[in-house]
Amino acid sequence: MFDLNKFPDHVSSGGGFGPVADDGYGVSYIIAGENLITFHVSSKFSSPETDSQRFARNIRQAMLDIAGLFDKPPPAAGK
């Protein structure tokens, strides 16, 4: 068994796939351990509507927002 804790830099993002539509995205992900999710985002350069880097930034922000929900302490009783 490969130990992700000892070798965290050896995680492969796996394969990906391209967008189905000319103005769409191809997105895949892999859950690699308890604390790592890797995304692969692709789109066509020919589409002025798509931007893989922007899409990836939005995924990252969404993941941070979700993580923040779990990091907040519960509200005090009576508030």
Protein backbone atom coordinates (compact mmCIF):
# COMPACT_ATOMS: atom_id res chain seq x y z
CA MET A 1 0.00 0.00 0.00
CA PHE A 2 1.31 3.46 -0.89
CA ASP A 3 1.57 5.83 2.10
CA LEU A 4 0.28 9.29 1.08
CA ASN A 5 1.44 10.78 4.38
CA LYS A 6 5.05 9.83 3.69
CA PHE A 7 4.96 10.77 -0.02
CA PRO A 8 2.37 13.55 -0.53
CA ASP A 9 4.15 14.86 -3.65
CA HIS A 10 3.67 11.56 -5.45
CA VAL A 11 -0.08 11.85 -5.85
CA SER A 12 -1.22 11.77 -9.44
CA SER A 13 -4.18 13.87 -10.47
CA GLY A 14 -5.20 10.91 -12.59
CA GLY A 15 -6.68 11.24 -16.00
CA GLY A 16 -9.07 13.82 -17.16
CA PHE A 17 -11.41 14.33 -20.02
CA GLY A 18 -12.19 17.14 -22.38
CA PRO A 19 -15.29 19.26 -22.60
CA VAL A 20 -18.30 17.68 -24.30
CA ALA A 21 -19.56 21.00 -25.68
CA ASP A 22 -17.40 23.57 -27.48
CA ASP A 23 -18.30 26.16 -24.83
CA GLY A 24 -18.14 23.78 -21.86
CA TYR A 25 -15.65 22.26 -19.47
CA GLY A 26 -14.23 18.84 -18.72
CA VAL A 27 -13.78 18.34 -14.98
CA SER A 28 -12.53 15.33 -13.06
CA TYR A 29 -11.35 14.91 -9.51
CA ILE A 30 -9.61 12.42 -7.29
CA ILE A 31 -9.87 12.15 -3.53
CA ALA A 32 -6.36 11.19 -2.50
CA GLY A 33 -6.37 10.65 1.22
CA GLU A 34 -8.09 12.42 4.08
CA ASN A 35 -6.93 15.94 3.25
CA LEU A 36 -6.39 16.12 -0.49
CA ILE A 37 -8.71 16.50 -3.46
CA THR A 38 -7.17 17.19 -6.85
CA PHE A 39 -9.17 18.59 -9.75
CA HIS A 40 -8.40 18.51 -13.46
CA VAL A 41 -10.17 21.21 -15.49
CA SER A 42 -10.05 21.59 -19.25
CA SER A 43 -11.77 23.72 -21.88
CA LYS A 44 -11.27 24.71 -25.49
CA PHE A 45 -9.14 27.76 -26.30
CA SER A 46 -11.44 28.43 -29.25
CA SER A 47 -14.33 29.38 -26.97
CA PRO A 48 -14.41 32.96 -25.67
CA GLU A 49 -16.91 31.78 -23.03
CA THR A 50 -14.60 29.37 -21.19
CA ASP A 51 -11.59 29.94 -18.96
CA SER A 52 -10.19 26.87 -17.21
CA GLN A 53 -8.11 28.89 -14.77
CA ARG A 54 -11.13 30.98 -13.71
CA PHE A 55 -13.21 27.82 -13.32
CA ALA A 56 -10.47 26.20 -11.21
CA ARG A 57 -10.24 29.31 -9.00
CA ASN A 58 -14.00 29.13 -8.46
CA ILE A 59 -13.77 25.44 -7.52
CA ARG A 60 -10.99 26.28 -5.08
CA GLN A 61 -13.03 29.07 -3.51
CA ALA A 62 -16.07 26.81 -3.23
CA MET A 63 -13.97 24.16 -1.47
CA LEU A 64 -12.58 26.78 0.94
CA ASP A 65 -16.11 28.03 1.63
CA ILE A 66 -17.28 24.48 2.38
CA ALA A 67 -14.27 23.86 4.64
CA GLY A 68 -15.05 27.11 6.45
CA LEU A 69 -18.49 25.81 7.35
CA PHE A 70 -16.86 22.98 9.29
CA ASP A 71 -14.29 25.22 10.97
CA LYS A 72 -16.80 27.61 12.55
CA PRO A 73 -17.74 26.98 16.18
CA PRO A 74 -21.44 26.44 16.81
CA PRO A 75 -23.39 29.55 17.86
CA ALA A 76 -23.75 30.15 21.58
CA ALA A 77 -27.00 28.96 23.15
CA GLY A 78 -29.72 31.59 23.20
CA LYS A 79 -28.31 33.64 20.32
